[in-house]
C-alpha atoms as a PDB file:
ATOM      1  CA  MET A   1      -8.530-241.700  30.913  1.00  0.00           C
ATOM      2  CA  GLN A   2      -6.032-240.054  33.647  1.00  0.00           C
ATOM      3  CA  ILE A   3      -9.135-238.712  35.712  1.00  0.00           C
ATOM      4  CA  GLN A   4     -10.203-242.326  35.571  1.00  0.00           C
ATOM      5  CA  LEU A   5      -6.651-243.892  36.499  1.00  0.00           C
ATOM      6  CA  LYS A   6      -6.703-241.137  38.987  1.00  0.00           C
ATOM      7  CA  ASN A   7      -9.013-243.324  41.247  1.00  0.00           C
ATOM      8  CA  ILE A   8      -6.711-246.375  40.858  1.00  0.00           C
ATOM      9  CA  ARG A   9      -3.739-246.155  43.864  1.00  0.00           C
ATOM     10  CA  ILE A  10      -1.426-248.234  44.250  1.00  0.00           C
ATOM     11  CA  VAL A  11      -0.366-249.412  48.300  1.00  0.00           C
ATOM     12  CA  LEU A  12       2.772-250.903  49.345  1.00  0.00           C
ATOM     13  CA  VAL A  13       3.043-252.603  52.549  1.00  0.00           C
ATOM     14  CA  GLU A  14       6.326-251.363  55.119  1.00  0.00           C
ATOM     15  CA  THR A  15       8.443-251.778  51.750  1.00  0.00           C
ATOM     16  CA  SER A  16      12.477-251.921  52.900  1.00  0.00           C
ATOM     17  CA  HIS A  17      14.196-250.078  50.860  1.00  0.00           C
ATOM     18  CA  THR A  18      13.717-246.824  49.339  1.00  0.00           C
ATOM     19  CA  GLY A  19      14.841-247.811  46.025  1.00  0.00           C
ATOM     20  CA  ASN A  20      11.434-250.343  45.617  1.00  0.00           C
ATOM     21  CA  ILE A  21       9.871-246.991  46.213  1.00  0.00           C
ATOM     22  CA  GLY A  22      11.742-245.416  42.963  1.00  0.00           C
ATOM     23  CA  SER A  23      11.041-248.178  40.822  1.00  0.00           C
ATOM     24  CA  THR A  24       7.334-248.548  41.435  1.00  0.00           C
ATOM     25  CA  ALA A  25       6.850-245.132  40.382  1.00  0.00           C
ATOM     26  CA  ARG A  26       8.657-245.634  37.594  1.00  0.00           C
ATOM     27  CA  ALA A  27       7.003-249.071  36.911  1.00  0.00           C
ATOM     28  CA  MET A  28       2.985-246.922  37.649  1.00  0.00           C
ATOM     29  CA  LYS A  29       4.365-244.106  35.522  1.00  0.00           C
ATOM     30  CA  THR A  30       4.704-245.554  32.164  1.00  0.00           C
ATOM     31  CA  MET A  31       1.145-246.409  32.426  1.00  0.00           C
ATOM     32  CA  GLY A  32      -0.418-243.652  33.558  1.00  0.00           C
ATOM     33  CA  LEU A  33      -0.689-244.188  37.434  1.00  0.00           C
ATOM     34  CA  SER A  34       0.004-241.777  39.942  1.00  0.00           C
ATOM     35  CA  SER A  35      -1.693-242.326  43.416  1.00  0.00           C
ATOM     36  CA  LEU A  36       0.862-244.177  45.798  1.00  0.00           C
ATOM     37  CA  TYR A  37       0.116-244.517  49.121  1.00  0.00           C
ATOM     38  CA  LEU A  38       3.403-245.915  52.031  1.00  0.00           C
ATOM     39  CA  VAL A  39       2.002-247.688  54.704  1.00  0.00           C
ATOM     40  CA  ALA A  40       5.066-247.522  57.273  1.00  0.00           C
ATOM     41  CA  PRO A  41       7.763-247.427  55.278  1.00  0.00           C
ATOM     42  CA  LYS A  42      10.816-248.776  56.742  1.00  0.00           C
ATOM     43  CA  THR A  43      12.641-245.212  55.283  1.00  0.00           C
ATOM     44  CA  LEU A  44      11.195-242.712  53.923  1.00  0.00           C
ATOM     45  CA  PRO A  45      11.584-241.972  50.615  1.00  0.00           C
ATOM     46  CA  ASP A  46      15.498-240.024  49.705  1.00  0.00           C
ATOM     47  CA  GLU A  47      17.883-239.733  46.602  1.00  0.00           C
ATOM     48  CA  GLN A  48      17.484-243.887  45.870  1.00  0.00           C
ATOM     49  CA  ALA A  49      14.110-243.271  45.767  1.00  0.00           C
ATOM     50  CA  ILE A  50      14.303-240.450  43.299  1.00  0.00           C
ATOM     51  CA  ALA A  51      17.322-241.560  41.141  1.00  0.00           C
ATOM     52  CA  LEU A  52      15.553-245.134  40.734  1.00  0.00           C
ATOM     53  CA  SER A  53      11.784-243.151  39.667  1.00  0.00           C
ATOM     54  CA  ALA A  54      13.718-242.290  36.718  1.00  0.00           C
ATOM     55  CA  GLY A  55      11.754-239.248  36.094  1.00  0.00           C
ATOM     56  CA  ALA A  56       8.851-240.198  37.734  1.00  0.00           C
ATOM     57  CA  ASN A  57       9.506-238.177  41.173  1.00  0.00           C
ATOM     58  CA  ASP A  58       6.675-236.541  40.871  1.00  0.00           C
ATOM     59  CA  ILE A  59       5.149-239.648  42.364  1.00  0.00           C
ATOM     60  CA  VAL A  60       7.238-240.745  44.666  1.00  0.00           C
ATOM     61  CA  GLU A  61       7.176-236.811  46.070  1.00  0.00           C
ATOM     62  CA  SER A  62       3.296-236.435  46.413  1.00  0.00           C
ATOM     63  CA  ALA A  63       3.402-240.215  47.528  1.00  0.00           C
ATOM     64  CA  VAL A  64       0.291-240.730  50.594  1.00  0.00           C
ATOM     65  CA  VAL A  65       2.475-241.846  53.798  1.00  0.00           C
ATOM     66  CA  VAL A  66      -0.121-243.643  56.653  1.00  0.00           C
ATOM     67  CA  GLU A  67       0.436-245.584  59.754  1.00  0.00           C
ATOM     68  CA  ASN A  68      -1.466-249.056  58.960  1.00  0.00           C
ATOM     69  CA  PHE A  69      -3.340-250.451  55.978  1.00  0.00           C
ATOM     70  CA  ASN A  70      -6.929-249.732  57.196  1.00  0.00           C
ATOM     71  CA  GLN A  71      -5.710-246.304  56.651  1.00  0.00           C
ATOM     72  CA  ALA A  72      -4.239-246.801  52.974  1.00  0.00           C
ATOM     73  CA  VAL A  73      -7.694-248.453  52.080  1.00  0.00           C
ATOM     74  CA  ALA A  74     -10.516-246.675  54.483  1.00  0.00           C
ATOM     75  CA  ASP A  75     -11.788-244.963  51.346  1.00  0.00           C
ATOM     76  CA  CYS A  76     -12.137-247.772  48.519  1.00  0.00           C
ATOM     77  CA  SER A  77     -14.459-249.834  47.394  1.00  0.00           C
ATOM     78  CA  LEU A  78     -12.935-252.433  45.924  1.00  0.00           C
ATOM     79  CA  VAL A  79      -9.546-253.746  47.279  1.00  0.00           C
ATOM     80  CA  ILE A  80      -7.268-255.722  45.790  1.00  0.00           C
ATOM     81  CA  GLY A  81      -4.702-257.761  47.768  1.00  0.00           C
ATOM     82  CA  THR A  82      -1.648-259.744  46.074  1.00  0.00           C
ATOM     83  CA  SER A  83       0.344-262.699  47.637  1.00  0.00           C
ATOM     84  CA  ALA A  84       2.920-264.658  45.787  1.00  0.00           C
ATOM     85  CA  ARG A  85       2.069-267.576  47.320  1.00  0.00           C
ATOM     86  CA  SER A  86      -1.478-269.414  47.240  1.00  0.00           C
ATOM     87  CA  ARG A  87      -3.190-269.081  50.795  1.00  0.00           C
ATOM     88  CA  HIS A  88      -5.751-270.982  52.014  1.00  0.00           C
ATOM     89  CA  LEU A  89      -7.461-268.615  52.463  1.00  0.00           C
ATOM     90  CA  ALA A  90     -11.536-268.596  51.080  1.00  0.00           C
ATOM     91  CA  ILE A  91     -11.169-265.090  49.260  1.00  0.00           C
ATOM     92  CA  PRO A  92     -11.723-264.908  45.411  1.00  0.00           C
ATOM     93  CA  GLN A  93      -8.844-265.622  43.352  1.00  0.00           C
ATOM     94  CA  ILE A  94      -7.736-263.126  40.450  1.00  0.00           C
ATOM     95  CA  ASP A  95      -4.960-262.347  38.407  1.00  0.00           C
ATOM     96  CA  PRO A  96      -3.162-259.824  36.805  1.00  0.00           C
ATOM     97  CA  ARG A  97      -5.639-259.347  33.903  1.00  0.00           C
ATOM     98  CA  GLY A  98      -9.159-259.968  35.748  1.00  0.00           C
ATOM     99  CA  CYS A  99      -7.506-257.272  38.352  1.00  0.00           C
ATOM    100  CA  GLY A 100      -7.208-254.771  35.394  1.00  0.00           C
ATOM    101  CA  LYS A 101     -10.584-255.089  34.014  1.00  0.00           C
ATOM    102  CA  GLN A 102     -12.416-254.804  37.646  1.00  0.00           C
ATOM    103  CA  ALA A 103     -10.093-252.290  38.587  1.00  0.00           C
ATOM    104  CA  VAL A 104     -10.976-250.119  35.518  1.00  0.00           C
ATOM    105  CA  ARG A 105     -14.546-251.245  36.004  1.00  0.00           C
ATOM    106  CA  TYR A 106     -14.706-249.166  39.080  1.00  0.00           C
ATOM    107  CA  ALA A 107     -12.394-246.518  38.936  1.00  0.00           C
ATOM    108  CA  GLU A 108     -14.674-245.439  35.586  1.00  0.00           C
ATOM    109  CA  GLN A 109     -17.785-245.247  37.646  1.00  0.00           C
ATOM    110  CA  GLY A 110     -15.587-243.221  40.265  1.00  0.00           C
ATOM    111  CA  GLY A 111     -15.577-246.048  42.794  1.00  0.00           C
ATOM    112  CA  LYS A 112     -11.499-245.557  44.534  1.00  0.00           C
ATOM    113  CA  VAL A 113      -9.465-248.772  43.939  1.00  0.00           C
ATOM    114  CA  ALA A 114      -6.853-250.026  45.831  1.00  0.00           C
ATOM    115  CA  ILE A 115      -3.730-252.280  44.756  1.00  0.00           C
ATOM    116  CA  VAL A 116      -1.950-253.776  47.972  1.00  0.00           C
ATOM    117  CA  PHE A 117       1.870-254.980  47.568  1.00  0.00           C
ATOM    118  CA  GLY A 118       3.137-256.409  51.086  1.00  0.00           C
ATOM    119  CA  ARG A 119       6.715-256.490  52.077  1.00  0.00           C
ATOM    120  CA  GLU A 120       9.029-257.760  49.845  1.00  0.00           C
ATOM    121  CA  ARG A 121       9.867-261.058  52.637  1.00  0.00           C
ATOM    122  CA  VAL A 122       7.041-261.855  53.493  1.00  0.00           C
ATOM    123  CA  GLY A 123       4.327-259.839  52.002  1.00  0.00           C
ATOM    124  CA  LEU A 124       0.769-259.403  53.179  1.00  0.00           C
ATOM    125  CA  THR A 125      -0.152-261.221  56.531  1.00  0.00           C
ATOM    126  CA  ASN A 126      -3.062-263.475  56.398  1.00  0.00           C
ATOM    127  CA  GLU A 127      -4.971-260.858  58.382  1.00  0.00           C
ATOM    128  CA  GLU A 128      -4.663-257.975  55.673  1.00  0.00           C
ATOM    129  CA  LEU A 129      -5.512-260.754  52.734  1.00  0.00           C
ATOM    130  CA  LEU A 130      -8.738-261.078  54.376  1.00  0.00           C
ATOM    131  CA  LYS A 131     -10.071-257.810  54.543  1.00  0.00           C
ATOM    132  CA  CYS A 132      -9.259-257.948  50.477  1.00  0.00           C
ATOM    133  CA  GLY A 133     -11.961-258.445  47.967  1.00  0.00           C
ATOM    134  CA  PHE A 134      -9.801-260.252  46.103  1.00  0.00           C
ATOM    135  CA  HIS A 135      -6.596-262.179  46.289  1.00  0.00           C
ATOM    136  CA  LEU A 136      -3.964-261.099  43.259  1.00  0.00           C
ATOM    137  CA  ASN A 137      -1.604-263.831  42.035  1.00  0.00           C
ATOM    138  CA  ILE A 138       0.775-263.551  39.118  1.00  0.00           C
ATOM    139  CA  PRO A 139       1.083-266.854  37.528  1.00  0.00           C
ATOM    140  CA  ALA A 140       4.947-267.090  37.507  1.00  0.00           C
ATOM    141  CA  ASN A 141       7.082-269.809  36.423  1.00  0.00           C
ATOM    142  CA  PRO A 142       6.461-272.140  39.296  1.00  0.00           C
ATOM    143  CA  ASP A 143       9.926-273.603  39.352  1.00  0.00           C
ATOM    144  CA  TYR A 144      11.893-269.874  38.867  1.00  0.00           C
ATOM    145  CA  ALA A 145       8.681-267.320  40.156  1.00  0.00           C
ATOM    146  CA  SER A 146      11.589-264.162  40.893  1.00  0.00           C
ATOM    147  CA  LEU A 147       9.330-261.096  40.793  1.00  0.00           C
ATOM    148  CA  ASN A 148      10.636-258.143  42.922  1.00  0.00           C
ATOM    149  CA  LEU A 149       8.348-255.403  43.565  1.00  0.00           C
ATOM    150  CA  ALA A 150       8.327-253.088  41.141  1.00  0.00           C
ATOM    151  CA  MET A 151       8.305-256.135  38.514  1.00  0.00           C
ATOM    152  CA  ALA A 152       4.863-257.168  39.770  1.00  0.00           C
ATOM    153  CA  VAL A 153       3.598-253.649  39.901  1.00  0.00           C
ATOM    154  CA  GLN A 154       4.431-253.214  36.223  1.00  0.00           C
ATOM    155  CA  LEU A 155       2.714-256.614  35.376  1.00  0.00           C
ATOM    156  CA  VAL A 156      -0.305-255.114  37.198  1.00  0.00           C
ATOM    157  CA  SER A 157      -0.086-251.858  35.772  1.00  0.00           C
ATOM    158  CA  TYR A 158       0.159-252.608  32.471  1.00  0.00           C
ATOM    159  CA  GLU A 159      -3.092-255.171  32.831  1.00  0.00           C
ATOM    160  CA  ILE A 160      -4.534-252.085  33.867  1.00  0.00           C
ATOM    161  CA  ARG A 161      -4.236-249.723  31.032  1.00  0.00           C
ATOM    162  CA  MET A 162      -4.661-252.333  28.513  1.00  0.00           C
ATOM    163  CA  ALA A 163      -8.179-252.754  30.322  1.00  0.00           C
ATOM    164  CA  MET A 164      -8.267-249.322  29.966  1.00  0.00           C
ATOM    165  CA  LEU A 165      -7.090-249.189  26.518  1.00  0.00           C
ATOM    166  CA  GLY A 166     -10.260-251.854  25.783  1.00  0.00           C
ATOM    167  CA  SER A 167     -12.884-251.202  27.691  1.00  0.00           C
ATOM    168  CA  ARG A 168     -16.748-250.691  26.174  1.00  0.00           C
ATOM    169  CA  GLN A 169     -19.660-248.741  29.128  1.00  0.00           C
ATOM    170  CA  SER A 170     -22.015-251.236  27.328  1.00  0.00           C
ATOM    171  CA  GLU A 171     -24.306-250.172  30.632  1.00  0.00           C
ATOM    172  CA  PRO A 172     -23.280-247.348  32.173  1.00  0.00           C
ATOM    173  CA  THR A 173     -26.444-246.847  34.262  1.00  0.00           C
ATOM    174  CA  THR A 174     -26.336-250.021  35.757  1.00  0.00           C
ATOM    175  CA  LEU A 175     -22.272-249.927  36.788  1.00  0.00           C
ATOM    176  CA  VAL A 176     -22.731-246.948  38.268  1.00  0.00           C
ATOM    177  CA  THR A 177     -25.769-247.845  40.317  1.00  0.00           C
ATOM    178  CA  GLU A 178     -23.428-251.410  41.019  1.00  0.00           C
ATOM    179  CA  VAL A 179     -20.093-249.039  42.437  1.00  0.00           C
ATOM    180  CA  ASN A 180     -22.462-246.107  44.154  1.00  0.00           C
ATOM    181  CA  GLU A 181     -24.061-248.839  46.226  1.00  0.00           C
ATOM    182  CA  LYS A 182     -20.771-250.987  47.662  1.00  0.00           C
ATOM    183  CA  PRO A 183     -19.266-249.782  50.987  1.00  0.00           C
ATOM    184  CA  THR A 184     -15.632-248.651  51.717  1.00  0.00           C
ATOM    185  CA  GLN A 185     -12.988-250.750  53.697  1.00  0.00           C
ATOM    186  CA  GLN A 186     -13.890-248.885  56.911  1.00  0.00           C
ATOM    187  CA  GLU A 187     -17.749-249.699  56.807  1.00  0.00           C
ATOM    188  CA  LEU A 188     -16.893-253.144  56.708  1.00  0.00           C
ATOM    189  CA  ASP A 189     -14.183-253.474  59.571  1.00  0.00           C
ATOM    190  CA  TYR A 190     -16.342-250.977  61.742  1.00  0.00           C
ATOM    191  CA  PHE A 191     -18.584-253.779  60.741  1.00  0.00           C
ATOM    192  CA  PHE A 192     -16.805-256.249  61.942  1.00  0.00           C
ATOM    193  CA  ASN A 193     -15.533-254.562  64.564  1.00  0.00           C
ATOM    194  CA  GLN A 194     -19.020-254.774  65.832  1.00  0.00           C
ATOM    195  CA  THR A 195     -20.134-258.039  64.878  1.00  0.00           C
ATOM    196  CA  GLU A 196     -16.574-259.560  66.941  1.00  0.00           C
ATOM    197  CA  GLN A 197     -17.879-257.246  69.890  1.00  0.00           C
ATOM    198  CA  LEU A 198     -21.406-258.369  70.301  1.00  0.00           C
ATOM    199  CA  TYR A 199     -20.266-261.708  69.314  1.00  0.00           C
ATOM    200  CA  ARG A 200     -17.814-262.207  71.492  1.00  0.00           C
ATOM    201  CA  GLN A 201     -19.796-260.385  74.684  1.00  0.00           C
ATOM    202  CA  LEU A 202     -22.696-263.442  74.042  1.00  0.00           C
ATOM    203  CA  ASN A 203     -19.692-266.378  74.198  1.00  0.00           C
ATOM    204  CA  PHE A 204     -20.048-267.000  70.372  1.00  0.00           C
ATOM    205  CA  ILE A 205     -16.375-266.507  69.753  1.00  0.00           C
ATOM    206  CA  GLN A 206     -13.982-267.604  72.255  1.00  0.00           C
ATOM    207  CA  ASN A 207     -10.985-267.932  69.642  1.00  0.00           C
ATOM    208  CA  SER A 208      -9.303-266.554  67.196  1.00  0.00           C
ATOM    209  CA  GLY A 209     -10.735-268.292  64.153  1.00  0.00           C
ATOM    210  CA  VAL A 210     -14.491-267.300  63.787  1.00  0.00           C
ATOM    211  CA  MET A 211     -14.323-263.771  62.375  1.00  0.00           C
ATOM    212  CA  PRO A 212     -11.489-264.630  59.620  1.00  0.00           C
ATOM    213  CA  LYS A 213     -13.719-266.826  58.541  1.00  0.00           C
ATOM    214  CA  LEU A 214     -16.791-264.778  58.704  1.00  0.00           C
ATOM    215  CA  ARG A 215     -14.916-262.210  56.498  1.00  0.00           C
ATOM    216  CA  SER A 216     -13.935-264.635  54.282  1.00  0.00           C
ATOM    217  CA  LEU A 217     -17.933-264.916  54.072  1.00  0.00           C
ATOM    218  CA  TYR A 218     -19.598-261.992  53.624  1.00  0.00           C
ATOM    219  CA  ALA A 219     -16.487-260.993  51.045  1.00  0.00           C
ATOM    220  CA  ARG A 220     -17.748-264.091  48.646  1.00  0.00           C
ATOM    221  CA  ALA A 221     -21.514-262.630  49.414  1.00  0.00           C
ATOM    222  CA  ASP A 222     -19.940-259.104  47.877  1.00  0.00           C
ATOM    223  CA  LEU A 223     -22.246-256.954  49.978  1.00  0.00           C
ATOM    224  CA  ARG A 224     -23.813-253.610  49.130  1.00  0.00           C
ATOM    225  CA  LYS A 225     -24.633-251.059  51.200  1.00  0.00           C
ATOM    226  CA  ASN A 226     -28.322-251.773  51.765  1.00  0.00           C
ATOM    227  CA  GLU A 227     -27.461-255.053  52.708  1.00  0.00           C
ATOM    228  CA  LEU A 228     -24.973-253.801  54.934  1.00  0.00           C
ATOM    229  CA  ASN A 229     -27.035-251.173  56.780  1.00  0.00           C
ATOM    230  CA  ILE A 230     -29.813-254.719  57.172  1.00  0.00           C
ATOM    231  CA  LEU A 231     -27.009-256.526  58.840  1.00  0.00           C
ATOM    232  CA  GLN A 232     -26.186-253.529  61.012  1.00  0.00           C
ATOM    233  CA  GLY A 233     -29.339-253.203  62.318  1.00  0.00           C
ATOM    234  CA  MET A 234     -29.626-256.954  63.187  1.00  0.00           C
ATOM    235  CA  LEU A 235     -26.406-256.474  65.222  1.00  0.00           C
ATOM    236  CA  ALA A 236     -28.247-253.234  67.308  1.00  0.00           C
ATOM    237  CA  ALA A 237     -31.482-255.045  67.657  1.00  0.00           C
ATOM    238  CA  VAL A 238     -29.606-258.029  68.951  1.00  0.00           C
ATOM    239  CA  LYS A 239     -27.583-255.978  71.100  1.00  0.00           C
ATOM    240  CA  LYS A 240     -30.531-253.758  72.270  1.00  0.00           C
ATOM    241  CA  SER A 241     -32.522-257.113  73.219  1.00  0.00           C
ATOM    242  CA  THR A 242     -29.388-258.960  75.167  1.00  0.00           C
ATOM    243  CA  VAL A 243     -28.842-255.069  77.317  1.00  0.00           C
ATOM    244  CA  ALA A 244     -32.972-254.926  78.312  1.00  0.00           C
ATOM    245  CA  SER A 245     -32.538-258.974  79.186  1.00  0.00           C
ATOM    246  CA  GLU A 246     -30.070-257.869  81.587  1.00  0.00           C
END
């Protein structure tokens, strides 16, 4: 179980208060999670973070600090982004229970999973959410949906543990193949960058609204690596043809 759970990371983006880092570490450790990534925290973990970790200081001290969102999820085949409010984005929605099942499904077969929590005040940006395969929303009381960061992490971590305890691998071979065929976030980002570069060159993209819609389209398609390779080949062929005609 521990080996599988190590494939699931909690990512905190631009935390303002170090105490939230410590409280998050505590929430994670109670449910068996240990991989914590910090994206450009306002302040690095300090004594307050250690104090509020309540014995989970090992998670705080081993936290991986990176500069941006892309670095935190580059090697992951499943990225789930959280948001406290509904967004008008064409991204598959998921609740904490569904999040736990999806995360465990990938982790059991060796896939790396990132569950991303945004800034305390404003959450994740739309651009960051568009890079996620699922949009996680906690269905709290709409009249008082006041969850702090550590509470949200605790809820999600609990559902991950429950999914792990109740998992049944009825078709392991099929699942292994499916997860291994998923492209990483880094591979997807490369494809989208190449797509935008070519489409702008062809004057197909003339404003900033096109790429988010394309990202949403491909997210719903749930691409496999061989399908992404076909799309990359199509881009290369169009680029070659364009150069030849100049």
